N, C-alpha and C. Protein backbone atom coordinates (compact mmCIF):
# COMPACT_ATOMS: atom_id res chain seq x y z
N MET A 1 92.95 84.35 75.38
CA MET A 1 94.08 83.78 75.05
C MET A 1 94.27 83.95 74.00
N PHE A 2 93.31 83.60 72.80
CA PHE A 2 93.47 83.68 71.30
C PHE A 2 93.75 85.21 70.77
N ILE A 3 92.77 86.34 71.56
CA ILE A 3 93.44 87.25 71.12
C ILE A 3 94.49 88.04 71.47
N THR A 4 95.06 87.26 72.16
CA THR A 4 96.69 87.90 73.10
C THR A 4 97.79 87.13 72.20
N THR A 5 97.14 85.90 71.90
CA THR A 5 98.02 84.93 70.61
C THR A 5 98.01 85.65 69.51
N LEU A 6 97.09 86.37 69.06
CA LEU A 6 96.49 87.28 67.70
C LEU A 6 97.79 88.32 67.73
N SER A 7 97.44 88.67 68.99
CA SER A 7 98.25 89.96 69.02
C SER A 7 99.31 89.73 69.42
N ILE A 8 100.09 89.37 70.48
CA ILE A 8 101.68 89.13 69.86
C ILE A 8 102.06 88.42 68.94
N GLY A 9 101.16 87.62 67.54
CA GLY A 9 102.30 87.19 65.97
C GLY A 9 102.11 88.31 65.54
N ILE A 10 100.78 89.58 65.51
CA ILE A 10 100.44 90.27 64.56
C ILE A 10 102.10 91.43 65.14
N LEU A 11 102.03 91.79 66.05
CA LEU A 11 103.42 92.51 66.32
C LEU A 11 104.71 92.17 66.24
N ALA A 12 104.87 90.78 65.97
CA ALA A 12 105.89 89.56 65.93
C ALA A 12 106.68 89.72 64.07
N VAL A 13 105.42 89.64 64.08
CA VAL A 13 105.22 89.61 61.93
C VAL A 13 106.08 91.39 61.86
N VAL A 14 105.03 91.86 62.43
CA VAL A 14 105.13 93.96 62.09
C VAL A 14 106.24 93.67 62.51
N LEU A 15 106.92 94.12 63.59
CA LEU A 15 108.56 93.96 64.06
C LEU A 15 109.45 93.77 63.05
N SER A 16 109.00 91.94 62.61
CA SER A 16 110.26 91.07 61.80
C SER A 16 110.10 92.19 60.17
N VAL A 17 109.06 92.87 59.79
CA VAL A 17 109.10 93.20 58.81
C VAL A 17 109.97 94.38 58.95
N ILE A 18 109.79 95.06 60.49
CA ILE A 18 110.83 96.80 60.72
C ILE A 18 112.19 96.34 60.67
N ALA A 19 112.18 95.01 61.15
CA ALA A 19 114.13 94.37 61.42
C ALA A 19 114.14 93.88 60.05
N TYR A 20 113.44 93.56 58.66
CA TYR A 20 114.14 93.27 57.45
C TYR A 20 114.12 94.37 57.46
N THR A 21 113.71 95.18 57.32
CA THR A 21 114.09 96.87 56.45
C THR A 21 115.56 97.42 56.64
N LYS A 22 115.54 97.12 58.16
CA LYS A 22 117.14 97.65 58.46
C LYS A 22 117.64 96.39 58.47
N GLY A 23 117.60 95.78 58.02
CA GLY A 23 118.99 94.23 58.24
C GLY A 23 119.06 94.04 59.40
N VAL A 24 118.32 94.31 60.59
CA VAL A 24 118.71 93.33 61.28
C VAL A 24 117.93 92.26 61.70
N HIS A 25 116.92 91.31 60.98
CA HIS A 25 116.19 90.52 60.95
C HIS A 25 116.58 89.09 61.68
N ILE A 26 117.99 88.68 61.18
CA ILE A 26 118.92 87.74 61.30
C ILE A 26 119.07 87.53 62.44
N SER A 27 119.76 88.32 62.80
CA SER A 27 120.23 88.95 64.45
C SER A 27 118.92 88.84 65.55
N GLY A 28 117.94 89.49 65.27
CA GLY A 28 116.51 89.36 65.76
C GLY A 28 116.39 87.41 66.12
N PHE A 29 115.80 87.14 65.06
CA PHE A 29 115.60 85.95 64.71
C PHE A 29 116.62 85.18 65.66
N ASN A 30 118.11 85.09 65.99
CA ASN A 30 119.28 84.18 66.75
C ASN A 30 118.57 84.71 67.28
N ASP A 31 117.94 85.82 68.70
CA ASP A 31 118.25 86.05 69.64
C ASP A 31 117.13 85.66 69.95
N ALA A 32 115.61 85.50 69.27
CA ALA A 32 114.79 84.78 69.77
C ALA A 32 114.97 83.50 69.91
N TYR A 33 115.51 83.14 68.99
CA TYR A 33 116.01 81.36 69.17
C TYR A 33 117.20 80.98 70.60
N LYS A 34 117.83 81.88 71.05
CA LYS A 34 118.27 81.95 72.07
C LYS A 34 117.66 81.80 73.10
N THR A 35 117.08 83.05 73.53
CA THR A 35 115.60 82.86 73.98
C THR A 35 114.82 82.11 74.41
N GLY A 36 114.60 81.15 73.40
CA GLY A 36 113.64 80.35 73.20
C GLY A 36 114.43 78.66 74.00
N ILE A 37 115.21 78.54 73.94
CA ILE A 37 116.12 77.39 74.01
C ILE A 37 116.55 77.51 75.36
N ARG A 38 117.00 79.20 76.00
CA ARG A 38 116.60 79.18 77.63
C ARG A 38 115.88 79.01 77.97
N VAL A 39 114.50 79.35 77.87
CA VAL A 39 113.28 79.06 78.40
C VAL A 39 112.67 78.35 78.03
N LEU A 40 112.64 77.38 77.25
CA LEU A 40 111.88 75.91 76.69
C LEU A 40 111.64 75.16 77.99
N PRO A 41 112.54 75.18 78.48
CA PRO A 41 112.84 74.02 79.76
C PRO A 41 112.10 74.06 80.73
N ILE A 42 111.78 75.80 81.36
CA ILE A 42 111.00 75.88 82.80
C ILE A 42 109.56 75.81 81.62
N ILE A 43 109.33 76.35 80.74
CA ILE A 43 108.13 76.29 80.05
C ILE A 43 107.48 74.99 80.27
N PHE A 44 108.09 74.06 79.44
CA PHE A 44 108.05 72.69 79.62
C PHE A 44 107.51 72.37 81.01
N CYS A 45 108.37 72.27 82.32
CA CYS A 45 108.45 71.48 83.57
C CYS A 45 107.23 72.20 84.33
N ALA A 46 107.07 73.93 84.00
CA ALA A 46 106.18 74.83 84.52
C ALA A 46 104.74 73.79 84.38
N PHE A 47 104.49 73.66 82.83
CA PHE A 47 103.71 72.68 82.46
C PHE A 47 103.19 72.04 83.01
N VAL A 48 104.44 70.79 82.81
CA VAL A 48 104.12 69.75 83.20
C VAL A 48 103.78 69.31 84.92
N VAL A 49 104.05 70.86 85.80
CA VAL A 49 103.88 70.37 86.85
C VAL A 49 102.68 70.99 87.60
N ILE A 50 102.15 71.88 86.27
CA ILE A 50 100.55 72.22 86.32
C ILE A 50 99.54 71.28 85.49
N GLY A 51 100.30 70.59 84.60
CA GLY A 51 99.47 69.36 84.52
C GLY A 51 99.31 68.40 85.38
N MET A 52 100.46 67.72 86.00
CA MET A 52 100.19 66.75 87.64
C MET A 52 98.85 67.30 88.06
N LEU A 53 99.54 68.49 89.08
CA LEU A 53 98.70 69.37 89.96
C LEU A 53 97.31 69.09 89.48
N ASN A 54 96.77 69.36 88.73
CA ASN A 54 95.51 69.60 88.15
C ASN A 54 94.65 68.17 88.25
N ASN A 55 95.53 67.13 88.26
CA ASN A 55 95.09 65.42 88.15
C ASN A 55 95.46 64.65 89.11
N LEU A 56 96.73 65.28 90.15
CA LEU A 56 96.46 64.80 91.44
C LEU A 56 95.82 65.12 92.45
N ILE A 57 95.68 66.44 92.40
CA ILE A 57 95.00 67.15 93.79
C ILE A 57 93.73 67.38 93.61
N PRO A 58 93.38 67.18 94.78
CA PRO A 58 91.70 66.76 94.89
C PRO A 58 90.71 67.82 94.41
N LYS A 59 89.84 68.07 93.79
CA LYS A 59 88.83 69.20 94.00
C LYS A 59 88.61 69.52 94.97
N ASP A 60 88.35 68.67 95.77
CA ASP A 60 87.74 68.69 97.25
C ASP A 60 88.43 69.16 98.23
N ALA A 61 90.05 69.22 97.87
CA ALA A 61 91.00 69.19 98.76
C ALA A 61 91.12 70.88 98.78
N ILE A 62 91.31 71.36 97.87
CA ILE A 62 91.47 72.86 97.46
C ILE A 62 90.03 74.01 98.03
N LYS A 63 88.67 72.86 97.53
CA LYS A 63 88.02 73.78 98.44
C LYS A 63 87.84 73.85 99.89
N SER A 64 88.58 72.63 100.31
CA SER A 64 88.35 72.73 101.52
C SER A 64 89.42 73.44 102.14
N LEU A 65 90.81 74.20 101.34
CA LEU A 65 91.29 74.62 102.04
C LEU A 65 91.26 76.01 101.83
N ALA A 66 90.75 76.44 100.13
CA ALA A 66 90.43 77.41 100.11
C ALA A 66 89.50 78.55 99.09
N GLY A 67 88.33 77.52 99.75
CA GLY A 67 87.45 77.32 99.33
C GLY A 67 86.23 78.39 100.03
N GLU A 68 85.27 79.01 99.54
CA GLU A 68 84.12 79.97 100.49
C GLU A 68 84.02 80.13 101.45
N GLU A 69 83.79 79.23 102.20
CA GLU A 69 83.61 78.31 103.25
C GLU A 69 84.59 78.53 104.56
N THR A 70 86.08 78.75 103.73
CA THR A 70 87.43 78.51 104.37
C THR A 70 87.38 79.96 105.63
N GLY A 71 86.75 80.95 104.18
CA GLY A 71 86.68 82.53 104.92
C GLY A 71 87.94 83.26 105.48
N ILE A 72 88.55 83.94 106.24
CA ILE A 72 90.06 84.31 106.56
C ILE A 72 90.99 83.19 106.14
N ARG A 73 90.79 82.64 107.25
CA ARG A 73 91.85 81.24 106.18
C ARG A 73 92.20 80.77 105.21
N GLY A 74 90.89 81.01 104.55
CA GLY A 74 91.79 80.42 102.48
C GLY A 74 92.56 81.03 103.13
N ILE A 75 92.06 82.72 102.89
CA ILE A 75 93.04 83.33 102.55
C ILE A 75 94.29 83.80 103.05
N PHE A 76 94.45 83.45 103.80
CA PHE A 76 96.08 83.17 104.69
C PHE A 76 96.89 82.23 104.45
N LEU A 77 95.70 81.42 104.28
CA LEU A 77 96.91 80.06 103.36
C LEU A 77 96.81 80.61 102.08
N ALA A 78 95.84 81.47 101.35
CA ALA A 78 96.08 81.71 99.95
C ALA A 78 97.62 82.14 99.87
N THR A 79 97.60 83.34 100.62
CA THR A 79 98.79 84.11 100.89
C THR A 79 100.31 84.18 101.06
N PHE A 80 99.64 82.56 101.75
CA PHE A 80 101.21 82.10 101.98
C PHE A 80 102.09 80.87 101.27
N ALA A 81 100.63 80.62 100.45
CA ALA A 81 101.28 79.55 99.15
C ALA A 81 101.63 80.46 98.11
N GLY A 82 101.25 82.11 97.79
CA GLY A 82 101.39 82.83 96.68
C GLY A 82 102.92 83.27 97.48
N ILE A 83 103.03 83.56 98.70
CA ILE A 83 104.69 83.84 99.15
C ILE A 83 105.60 82.52 98.36
N VAL A 84 104.97 81.21 98.52
CA VAL A 84 106.28 80.48 98.60
C VAL A 84 105.89 79.31 97.10
N THR A 85 105.30 80.71 96.20
CA THR A 85 105.06 79.32 94.53
C THR A 85 106.64 79.92 93.98
N PRO A 86 107.44 78.98 93.60
CA PRO A 86 108.49 79.25 92.70
C PRO A 86 108.09 79.30 91.18
N GLY A 87 109.39 79.22 90.61
CA GLY A 87 109.09 79.40 89.00
C GLY A 87 108.61 80.10 87.99
N GLY A 88 108.14 81.12 88.64
CA GLY A 88 107.74 82.43 87.72
C GLY A 88 105.86 82.60 87.40
N THR A 89 106.35 83.18 86.48
CA THR A 89 104.22 83.78 85.39
C THR A 89 104.24 82.52 85.38
N PHE A 90 105.08 81.28 84.52
CA PHE A 90 104.74 79.88 84.31
C PHE A 90 103.75 79.27 84.81
N VAL A 91 104.50 79.22 85.94
CA VAL A 91 103.71 78.51 86.88
C VAL A 91 102.59 78.90 88.18
N ALA A 92 102.75 80.31 88.21
CA ALA A 92 102.08 81.05 89.67
C ALA A 92 100.56 81.18 88.62
N LEU A 93 100.65 81.31 87.20
CA LEU A 93 99.38 81.67 86.64
C LEU A 93 98.55 80.77 86.40
N PRO A 94 99.41 79.89 86.10
CA PRO A 94 98.75 78.51 85.71
C PRO A 94 97.60 77.92 87.30
N ILE A 95 98.52 77.67 88.08
CA ILE A 95 98.19 77.67 89.29
C ILE A 95 96.79 78.55 90.08
N THR A 96 96.94 79.67 89.20
CA THR A 96 95.55 80.47 89.71
C THR A 96 94.16 79.95 89.00
N GLY A 97 94.70 79.77 87.08
CA GLY A 97 93.77 79.13 87.33
C GLY A 97 93.09 77.47 87.53
N MET A 98 94.07 77.08 88.17
CA MET A 98 93.72 75.81 89.04
C MET A 98 92.58 75.81 90.16
N LEU A 99 92.91 77.05 91.25
CA LEU A 99 91.99 77.47 91.95
C LEU A 99 90.88 77.84 91.25
N LEU A 100 90.82 78.90 90.25
CA LEU A 100 89.36 79.17 89.84
C LEU A 100 88.87 77.97 89.64
N LYS A 101 88.96 77.21 88.49
CA LYS A 101 88.40 76.00 88.07
C LYS A 101 88.35 75.08 89.56
N PHE A 102 88.70 74.71 90.04
CA PHE A 102 88.84 73.38 91.41
C PHE A 102 88.03 74.37 92.60
N ASN A 103 87.14 75.62 91.97
CA ASN A 103 86.21 76.31 93.08
C ASN A 103 86.46 76.92 94.26
N ALA A 104 88.19 77.83 94.00
CA ALA A 104 88.41 78.72 95.77
C ALA A 104 87.65 79.17 95.22
N SER A 105 87.61 80.74 96.51
CA SER A 105 86.93 81.84 97.07
C SER A 105 87.83 82.54 95.87
N ILE A 106 86.88 83.63 95.49
CA ILE A 106 87.43 84.84 94.89
C ILE A 106 88.43 85.11 95.89
N GLY A 107 88.23 85.37 97.02
CA GLY A 107 88.78 86.11 98.09
C GLY A 107 90.83 85.62 98.59
N SER A 108 90.03 84.01 98.32
CA SER A 108 91.91 83.13 98.35
C SER A 108 92.42 83.28 96.92
N VAL A 109 92.00 83.68 96.11
CA VAL A 109 92.66 83.67 94.53
C VAL A 109 93.17 84.73 94.51
N VAL A 110 92.62 85.93 94.38
CA VAL A 110 93.29 87.42 94.71
C VAL A 110 93.88 87.61 95.44
N ALA A 111 93.98 86.49 97.10
CA ALA A 111 95.19 85.98 97.60
C ALA A 111 96.38 85.49 97.61
N TYR A 112 96.12 85.37 96.48
CA TYR A 112 97.20 83.65 96.04
C TYR A 112 98.03 85.10 94.61
N ILE A 113 96.96 85.78 94.21
CA ILE A 113 97.65 85.86 92.84
C ILE A 113 99.01 87.21 93.28
N THR A 114 97.78 88.06 94.75
CA THR A 114 99.02 89.31 94.43
C THR A 114 99.25 88.73 95.41
N ALA A 115 99.86 87.85 96.36
CA ALA A 115 101.38 87.46 97.47
C ALA A 115 102.53 86.89 95.98
N TYR A 116 101.69 86.30 95.60
CA TYR A 116 102.48 86.06 94.06
C TYR A 116 103.66 87.35 93.36
N SER A 117 102.57 88.17 93.18
CA SER A 117 103.03 89.12 92.30
C SER A 117 103.85 90.35 93.45
N ILE A 118 103.46 90.11 94.96
CA ILE A 118 103.90 91.22 95.57
C ILE A 118 105.56 90.76 96.51
N PHE A 119 105.75 89.35 96.08
CA PHE A 119 107.22 88.37 97.20
C PHE A 119 107.62 88.30 96.29
N ASP A 120 107.05 86.58 96.23
CA ASP A 120 108.11 85.84 94.91
C ASP A 120 109.16 86.14 95.69
N ILE A 121 109.35 84.55 96.76
CA ILE A 121 110.62 84.26 97.76
C ILE A 121 111.50 84.16 96.75
N THR A 122 111.39 83.62 95.43
CA THR A 122 113.08 83.16 94.48
C THR A 122 113.31 84.33 94.63
N ARG A 123 112.92 85.48 94.39
CA ARG A 123 113.15 86.86 94.15
C ARG A 123 114.46 87.74 95.63
N MET A 124 114.03 87.24 97.29
CA MET A 124 114.38 87.99 97.63
C MET A 124 116.16 87.75 97.92
N PRO A 125 116.87 86.78 97.49
CA PRO A 125 118.26 86.82 97.33
C PRO A 125 118.49 87.24 96.75
N ILE A 126 118.25 88.33 95.51
CA ILE A 126 118.31 89.59 94.84
C ILE A 126 118.32 90.49 95.07
N GLU A 127 116.96 90.52 95.83
CA GLU A 127 116.69 91.75 96.14
C GLU A 127 117.61 92.30 97.47
N ILE A 128 117.92 91.74 98.30
CA ILE A 128 118.77 91.36 99.57
C ILE A 128 119.82 91.57 98.85
N SER A 129 120.74 91.14 97.87
CA SER A 129 122.28 91.31 97.60
C SER A 129 121.91 93.37 96.94
N PHE A 130 121.19 93.62 96.39
CA PHE A 130 121.07 95.16 95.69
C PHE A 130 120.38 95.65 96.82
N LEU A 131 119.57 95.60 97.41
CA LEU A 131 119.00 96.25 98.33
C LEU A 131 119.89 96.67 99.86
N GLY A 132 119.83 95.10 100.65
CA GLY A 132 119.68 95.47 101.62
C GLY A 132 119.10 94.59 102.54
N TRP A 133 119.55 93.77 103.50
CA TRP A 133 118.24 93.04 104.55
C TRP A 133 117.25 93.69 104.83
N LYS A 134 117.72 95.09 105.13
CA LYS A 134 117.12 96.25 106.24
C LYS A 134 116.11 96.10 105.22
N PHE A 135 116.22 97.30 104.42
CA PHE A 135 115.43 97.64 103.11
C PHE A 135 114.21 96.66 102.83
N VAL A 136 114.55 95.33 103.14
CA VAL A 136 113.81 93.99 101.82
C VAL A 136 112.95 93.57 103.08
N LEU A 137 113.62 93.51 104.24
CA LEU A 137 112.40 93.71 105.75
C LEU A 137 111.04 94.44 106.49
N VAL A 138 112.01 95.87 105.79
CA VAL A 138 111.02 96.92 105.62
C VAL A 138 109.73 96.91 104.90
N LYS A 139 110.43 96.36 103.74
CA LYS A 139 109.28 96.16 102.50
C LYS A 139 108.41 95.12 102.82
N TRP A 140 108.70 94.74 103.18
CA TRP A 140 107.92 93.07 103.36
C TRP A 140 106.85 93.03 104.78
N CYS A 141 107.24 93.85 105.74
CA CYS A 141 106.57 94.48 106.72
C CYS A 141 105.12 95.33 106.22
N CYS A 142 106.19 95.86 105.57
CA CYS A 142 104.55 97.50 104.60
C CYS A 142 103.67 96.92 103.82
N VAL A 143 104.49 95.49 102.81
CA VAL A 143 103.20 95.08 102.13
C VAL A 143 102.38 94.00 102.21
N LEU A 144 103.39 92.91 103.68
CA LEU A 144 102.43 91.79 104.05
C LEU A 144 101.39 91.73 103.95
N ILE A 145 100.47 92.75 104.62
CA ILE A 145 99.43 93.12 104.76
C ILE A 145 98.33 93.04 102.93
N ILE A 146 99.09 93.39 102.36
CA ILE A 146 98.22 93.81 100.90
C ILE A 146 97.06 92.48 100.31
N PRO A 147 98.01 91.38 100.40
CA PRO A 147 97.28 90.29 99.37
C PRO A 147 96.17 89.65 101.09
N ILE A 148 95.80 90.18 102.06
CA ILE A 148 95.31 89.85 103.05
C ILE A 148 94.04 90.11 102.67
N ILE A 149 93.87 92.28 102.54
CA ILE A 149 93.13 93.28 102.75
C ILE A 149 92.38 93.34 100.91
N GLY A 150 93.37 92.66 99.59
CA GLY A 150 92.84 92.35 98.69
C GLY A 150 92.01 91.07 98.41
N GLY A 151 92.34 90.10 99.15
CA GLY A 151 91.60 89.25 99.24
C GLY A 151 90.23 89.18 100.17
N LEU A 152 90.07 89.65 101.10
CA LEU A 152 89.28 90.37 101.88
C LEU A 152 88.53 91.28 101.09
N ILE A 153 88.83 91.97 100.44
CA ILE A 153 88.04 93.36 99.57
C ILE A 153 87.53 92.17 97.98
N ALA A 154 87.39 91.51 97.86
CA ALA A 154 86.83 90.64 97.07
C ALA A 154 86.50 89.52 97.99
N ARG A 155 86.56 89.03 98.62
CA ARG A 155 85.85 88.66 99.28
C ARG A 155 84.30 88.89 99.87
N HIS A 156 84.10 90.17 99.76
CA HIS A 156 83.51 91.05 100.77
C HIS A 156 82.56 91.29 99.18
N PHE A 157 82.74 92.33 98.27
CA PHE A 157 82.78 92.87 97.35
C PHE A 157 82.21 92.32 96.08
N PHE A 158 83.21 90.99 95.81
CA PHE A 158 82.76 90.07 94.71
C PHE A 158 82.52 88.77 95.04
N SER A 159 82.04 88.38 96.07
CA SER A 159 81.82 87.03 96.38
C SER A 159 81.03 86.15 95.24
N TRP A 160 80.12 87.70 94.54
CA TRP A 160 79.11 86.83 93.76
C TRP A 160 79.45 86.17 92.21
N VAL A 161 80.69 86.29 91.86
CA VAL A 161 81.33 86.24 90.46
C VAL A 161 82.34 85.44 90.76
N HIS A 162 81.59 83.74 89.97
CA HIS A 162 81.92 82.75 89.96
C HIS A 162 82.50 82.21 89.03
N PHE A 163 83.83 81.41 88.84
CA PHE A 163 84.11 80.84 87.22
C PHE A 163 83.87 78.92 87.12
């Protein structure tokens, strides 16, 4: 996290200097402020949700639903959870971290984040409006198995990895 933050910080400074030399830095900072005001409530609420989940969900519950001993059932549950996770990256990635922290199996975690990345049910209405329900249905049918396959591959080849 430190290296990512440092890299983004350096990029922000470099782009600010370039914008300053072109005289567009004030406009750039105004755009950054507007984006921050728009996104900050989402980020704050997502962090509150994650903080509460970390303290409300018993570690044993995660282990019993998505732990190593759950096998394919845990992978299916994690796939479903990934599909229905709302709130974007600021929710999905902390949940993924929580799953790792609470000893979910590597297969379940891979299935969760893959399903979230491919499906994102909150995006479905937009996909249908632009692409039509038939195309979205075909897409879902074609890729539904990918998180499960990913979870099984992770379980088979990387079950030795523990976090």
